[in-house]
Every structure is written in structure tokens, then in C-alpha cells.
Amino acid sequence: TGEVSEQVWDVLLYKYLGEEDVGRQQEFYQAHMSGDYETKQSYHECYYEQTREKLLEHIDDILGELDGLSQKSAYGGAVAGDDHPRLPLILRHNDFVRATFMAVRGYYFPGEPYEEPSGFSLSSKNAFFT
């Protein structure tokens, strides 16, 4: 369906708060750990737009990596020939992950086009969970 779980929204908000206000991040963390759903919801309502932007950044980062890996695998497959027997399975997996992220993108960001990166480099992408 493209919906994101509550846990993903929590992680995105936690990450955003850590970049902007560590004190508020700790308050959010304490609300989460103590099961204070009302406080957590108030944070989510207050920071929805910022969290939504974090989601879009994450989606586009992953899609960019998948696009780059697809380009790399096309080149590597042509050079390696039959040396990589699992390459077709990896490519099908990457296609599945890409379709999943595109579904999420379409659900939360309808009408916002995805622009494939040009000059992609794995080292140039800022990974989400670093």
C-alpha cells in the first residue's frame, strides 16, 4: 500500500530532533520508552512536515543507490559474464526494493516527480543509517 509504520516515523523524527534540538530529542525518547503515546503524538503533529521531508530524503537516497547499483551491475555483468551467478537474483531483489520505495513515495508524495541522479557515485550518497 505504501504506508510507513509507526516505528519508521519514530526513527525519522528522532533523527530530525537529534539534528535540531537534542533536548527535545531526549524528551521524545523518554516519551517513547515510557509508553507516553500522547506526548509522542504531539511531537509527531508538531514536526510532521520536517519528518515528512526526512522520509523523502531517505526514499530518494535509497532510490539513488539502487539506480547506481543497477548501472554498476549492468557494467559488471557485461564484464564478468557468468562469473556472478547470483547477479540476476540480486537485480530482482533490487527491483523489488525499488518498487516498494516507489510505492511509499507515491503514497506520501503524490505528484512529486522522482529525478534520477546523474553522475551517481556510491561514495557520494549520504546513507540514512550512518
Foldseek 3Di string as FASTA:
>chain_A
DQDDDPVLLLVLLLVVCVVPPVVVSVVLVVCVVVVVVVVVVVSCVVCVVVSLVSLVLQLLLLLQVLVVVVVVLVVVCVVCPCPCVCSVVVNVVSVVVNVSSVSNCCVSPPPDDRDHDPPDDPVPGDHDPD
